């Protein structure tokens, strides 16, 4: 499982790169994780 700061601000360079390159418009890592989970679940049930 991913470890996030309470506010979802990236702790390291890898996490910053994930957030900077996301295609779902997430503004923090918590939101990115939630949106990716929604997309994954949606695609698995289609």
PDB file of N, CA and C in Angstrom:
ATOM      1  N   UNK A   1       0.841  -1.178   0.000  1.00  0.00           N
ATOM      2  CA  UNK A   1       0.000   0.000   0.000  1.00  0.00           C
ATOM      3  C   UNK A   1       0.888   1.244   0.000  1.00  0.00           C
ATOM      4  N   UNK A   2       0.390   2.297  -0.576  1.00  0.00           N
ATOM      5  CA  UNK A   2       1.150   3.534  -0.661  1.00  0.00           C
ATOM      6  C   UNK A   2       1.089   4.299   0.651  1.00  0.00           C
ATOM      7  N   UNK A   3       2.169   4.988   0.961  1.00  0.00           N
ATOM      8  CA  UNK A   3       2.210   5.821   2.154  1.00  0.00           C
ATOM      9  C   UNK A   3       2.210   7.280   1.720  1.00  0.00           C
ATOM     10  N   UNK A   4       1.210   8.021   2.142  1.00  0.00           N
ATOM     11  CA  UNK A   4       1.085   9.429   1.801  1.00  0.00           C
ATOM     12  C   UNK A   4       1.130  10.262   3.066  1.00  0.00           C
ATOM     13  N   UNK A   5       1.581  11.502   2.912  1.00  0.00           N
ATOM     14  CA  UNK A   5       1.388  12.457   3.992  1.00  0.00           C
ATOM     15  C   UNK A   5      -0.103  12.718   4.096  1.00  0.00           C
ATOM     16  N   UNK A   6      -0.558  13.217   5.205  1.00  0.00           N
ATOM     17  CA  UNK A   6      -1.987  13.438   5.410  1.00  0.00           C
ATOM     18  C   UNK A   6      -2.615  14.292   4.311  1.00  0.00           C
ATOM     19  N   UNK A   7      -1.866  15.249   3.782  1.00  0.00           N
ATOM     20  CA  UNK A   7      -2.431  16.136   2.771  1.00  0.00           C
ATOM     21  C   UNK A   7      -2.148  15.666   1.348  1.00  0.00           C
ATOM     22  N   UNK A   8      -1.474  14.523   1.185  1.00  0.00           N
ATOM     23  CA  UNK A   8      -1.215  13.983  -0.141  1.00  0.00           C
ATOM     24  C   UNK A   8      -0.072  14.636  -0.892  1.00  0.00           C
ATOM     25  N   UNK A   9       0.713  15.458  -0.215  1.00  0.00           N
ATOM     26  CA  UNK A   9       1.858  16.109  -0.856  1.00  0.00           C
ATOM     27  C   UNK A   9       2.981  15.076  -0.983  1.00  0.00           C
ATOM     28  N   UNK A  10       3.606  14.994  -2.157  1.00  0.00           N
ATOM     29  CA  UNK A  10       4.653  13.998  -2.375  1.00  0.00           C
ATOM     30  C   UNK A  10       5.810  14.127  -1.390  1.00  0.00           C
ATOM     31  N   UNK A  11       6.294  12.967  -0.923  1.00  0.00           N
ATOM     32  CA  UNK A  11       7.406  12.934   0.027  1.00  0.00           C
ATOM     33  C   UNK A  11       8.754  12.857  -0.670  1.00  0.00           C
ATOM     34  N   UNK A  12       8.792  12.397  -1.917  1.00  0.00           N
ATOM     35  CA  UNK A  12      10.069  12.192  -2.589  1.00  0.00           C
ATOM     36  C   UNK A  12       9.951  12.512  -4.082  1.00  0.00           C
ATOM     37  N   UNK A  13      11.065  12.444  -4.782  1.00  0.00           N
ATOM     38  CA  UNK A  13      11.083  12.803  -6.202  1.00  0.00           C
ATOM     39  C   UNK A  13      10.222  11.880  -7.051  1.00  0.00           C
ATOM     40  N   UNK A  14      10.210  10.592  -6.746  1.00  0.00           N
ATOM     41  CA  UNK A  14       9.392   9.658  -7.518  1.00  0.00           C
ATOM     42  C   UNK A  14       7.916  10.016  -7.411  1.00  0.00           C
ATOM     43  N   UNK A  15       7.469  10.283  -6.194  1.00  0.00           N
ATOM     44  CA  UNK A  15       6.070  10.661  -5.992  1.00  0.00           C
ATOM     45  C   UNK A  15       5.745  11.976  -6.681  1.00  0.00           C
ATOM     46  N   UNK A  16       6.670  12.923  -6.657  1.00  0.00           N
ATOM     47  CA  UNK A  16       6.453  14.198  -7.355  1.00  0.00           C
ATOM     48  C   UNK A  16       6.308  13.969  -8.853  1.00  0.00           C
ATOM     49  N   UNK A  17       7.140  13.081  -9.390  1.00  0.00           N
ATOM     50  CA  UNK A  17       7.069  12.782 -10.819  1.00  0.00           C
ATOM     51  C   UNK A  17       5.733  12.118 -11.170  1.00  0.00           C
ATOM     52  N   UNK A  18       5.262  11.222 -10.334  1.00  0.00           N
ATOM     53  CA  UNK A  18       3.947  10.599 -10.553  1.00  0.00           C
ATOM     54  C   UNK A  18       2.859  11.663 -10.617  1.00  0.00           C
ATOM     55  N   UNK A  19       2.889  12.570  -9.688  1.00  0.00           N
ATOM     56  CA  UNK A  19       1.869  13.608  -9.633  1.00  0.00           C
ATOM     57  C   UNK A  19       1.980  14.559 -10.814  1.00  0.00           C
ATOM     58  N   UNK A  20       3.197  14.926 -11.178  1.00  0.00           N
ATOM     59  CA  UNK A  20       3.401  15.848 -12.303  1.00  0.00           C
ATOM     60  C   UNK A  20       2.983  15.245 -13.639  1.00  0.00           C
ATOM     61  N   UNK A  21       3.065  13.930 -13.772  1.00  0.00           N
ATOM     62  CA  UNK A  21       2.786  13.287 -15.062  1.00  0.00           C
ATOM     63  C   UNK A  21       1.413  12.634 -15.125  1.00  0.00           C
ATOM     64  N   UNK A  22       0.589  12.820 -14.108  1.00  0.00           N
ATOM     65  CA  UNK A  22      -0.715  12.147 -14.110  1.00  0.00           C
ATOM     66  C   UNK A  22      -1.623  12.722 -15.190  1.00  0.00           C
ATOM     67  N   UNK A  23      -2.441  11.874 -15.755  1.00  0.00           N
ATOM     68  CA  UNK A  23      -3.334  12.263 -16.845  1.00  0.00           C
ATOM     69  C   UNK A  23      -4.787  12.434 -16.394  1.00  0.00           C
ATOM     70  N   UNK A  24      -5.029  12.299 -15.110  1.00  0.00           N
ATOM     71  CA  UNK A  24      -6.396  12.400 -14.600  1.00  0.00           C
ATOM     72  C   UNK A  24      -6.669  13.724 -13.894  1.00  0.00           C
ATOM     73  N   UNK A  25      -5.678  14.603 -13.858  1.00  0.00           N
ATOM     74  CA  UNK A  25      -5.872  15.923 -13.281  1.00  0.00           C
ATOM     75  C   UNK A  25      -5.841  15.972 -11.767  1.00  0.00           C
ATOM     76  N   UNK A  26      -5.274  14.956 -11.136  1.00  0.00           N
ATOM     77  CA  UNK A  26      -5.197  14.932  -9.673  1.00  0.00           C
ATOM     78  C   UNK A  26      -4.239  16.012  -9.185  1.00  0.00           C
ATOM     79  N   UNK A  27      -4.578  16.621  -8.060  1.00  0.00           N
ATOM     80  CA  UNK A  27      -3.738  17.693  -7.523  1.00  0.00           C
ATOM     81  C   UNK A  27      -2.902  17.239  -6.331  1.00  0.00           C
ATOM     82  N   UNK A  28      -3.157  16.035  -5.823  1.00  0.00           N
ATOM     83  CA  UNK A  28      -2.319  15.468  -4.772  1.00  0.00           C
ATOM     84  C   UNK A  28      -2.326  13.949  -4.905  1.00  0.00           C
ATOM     85  N   UNK A  29      -1.473  13.285  -4.156  1.00  0.00           N
ATOM     86  CA  UNK A  29      -1.328  11.840  -4.301  1.00  0.00           C
ATOM     87  C   UNK A  29      -2.540  11.055  -3.826  1.00  0.00           C
ATOM     88  N   UNK A  30      -3.237  11.562  -2.840  1.00  0.00           N
ATOM     89  CA  UNK A  30      -4.440  10.890  -2.361  1.00  0.00           C
ATOM     90  C   UNK A  30      -5.493  10.886  -3.474  1.00  0.00           C
ATOM     91  N   UNK A  31      -5.690  12.032  -4.109  1.00  0.00           N
ATOM     92  CA  UNK A  31      -6.647  12.132  -5.197  1.00  0.00           C
ATOM     93  C   UNK A  31      -6.218  11.262  -6.381  1.00  0.00           C
ATOM     94  N   UNK A  32      -4.924  11.247  -6.683  1.00  0.00           N
ATOM     95  CA  UNK A  32      -4.411  10.413  -7.767  1.00  0.00           C
ATOM     96  C   UNK A  32      -4.703   8.944  -7.494  1.00  0.00           C
ATOM     97  N   UNK A  33      -4.461   8.503  -6.293  1.00  0.00           N
ATOM     98  CA  UNK A  33      -4.725   7.121  -5.916  1.00  0.00           C
ATOM     99  C   UNK A  33      -6.213   6.783  -6.063  1.00  0.00           C
ATOM    100  N   UNK A  34      -7.090   7.675  -5.609  1.00  0.00           N
ATOM    101  CA  UNK A  34      -8.527   7.441  -5.698  1.00  0.00           C
ATOM    102  C   UNK A  34      -8.990   7.377  -7.151  1.00  0.00           C
ATOM    103  N   UNK A  35      -8.531   8.300  -7.981  1.00  0.00           N
ATOM    104  CA  UNK A  35      -8.944   8.318  -9.386  1.00  0.00           C
ATOM    105  C   UNK A  35      -8.434   7.101 -10.135  1.00  0.00           C
ATOM    106  N   UNK A  36      -7.187   6.695  -9.870  1.00  0.00           N
ATOM    107  CA  UNK A  36      -6.656   5.501 -10.519  1.00  0.00           C
ATOM    108  C   UNK A  36      -7.431   4.263 -10.098  1.00  0.00           C
ATOM    109  N   UNK A  37      -7.818   4.193  -8.826  1.00  0.00           N
ATOM    110  CA  UNK A  37      -8.603   3.061  -8.335  1.00  0.00           C
ATOM    111  C   UNK A  37      -9.968   3.023  -9.027  1.00  0.00           C
ATOM    112  N   UNK A  38     -10.615   4.180  -9.167  1.00  0.00           N
ATOM    113  CA  UNK A  38     -11.906   4.238  -9.849  1.00  0.00           C
ATOM    114  C   UNK A  38     -11.796   3.750 -11.289  1.00  0.00           C
ATOM    115  N   UNK A  39     -10.758   4.203 -11.987  1.00  0.00           N
ATOM    116  CA  UNK A  39     -10.561   3.808 -13.387  1.00  0.00           C
ATOM    117  C   UNK A  39     -10.309   2.305 -13.482  1.00  0.00           C
ATOM    118  N   UNK A  40      -9.484   1.792 -12.598  1.00  0.00           N
ATOM    119  CA  UNK A  40      -9.171   0.367 -12.612  1.00  0.00           C
ATOM    120  C   UNK A  40     -10.414  -0.470 -12.352  1.00  0.00           C
ATOM    121  N   UNK A  41     -11.193  -0.093 -11.354  1.00  0.00           N
ATOM    122  CA  UNK A  41     -12.407  -0.839 -11.041  1.00  0.00           C
ATOM    123  C   UNK A  41     -13.411  -0.767 -12.180  1.00  0.00           C
ATOM    124  N   UNK A  42     -13.545   0.404 -12.764  1.00  0.00           N
ATOM    125  CA  UNK A  42     -14.470   0.596 -13.876  1.00  0.00           C
ATOM    126  C   UNK A  42     -14.069  -0.280 -15.051  1.00  0.00           C
ATOM    127  N   UNK A  43     -12.782  -0.333 -15.373  1.00  0.00           N
ATOM    128  CA  UNK A  43     -12.307  -1.125 -16.499  1.00  0.00           C
ATOM    129  C   UNK A  43     -12.396  -2.618 -16.244  1.00  0.00           C
ATOM    130  N   UNK A  44     -12.298  -3.046 -14.994  1.00  0.00           N
ATOM    131  CA  UNK A  44     -12.402  -4.456 -14.673  1.00  0.00           C
ATOM    132  C   UNK A  44     -13.840  -4.950 -14.766  1.00  0.00           C
ATOM    133  N   UNK A  45     -14.819  -4.078 -14.638  1.00  0.00           N
ATOM    134  CA  UNK A  45     -16.215  -4.473 -14.677  1.00  0.00           C
ATOM    135  C   UNK A  45     -16.861  -4.235 -16.040  1.00  0.00           C
ATOM    136  N   UNK A  46     -16.113  -3.699 -16.973  1.00  0.00           N
ATOM    137  CA  UNK A  46     -16.685  -3.404 -18.305  1.00  0.00           C
ATOM    138  C   UNK A  46     -16.720  -4.648 -19.168  1.00  0.00           C
TER     139      UNK A  46
END
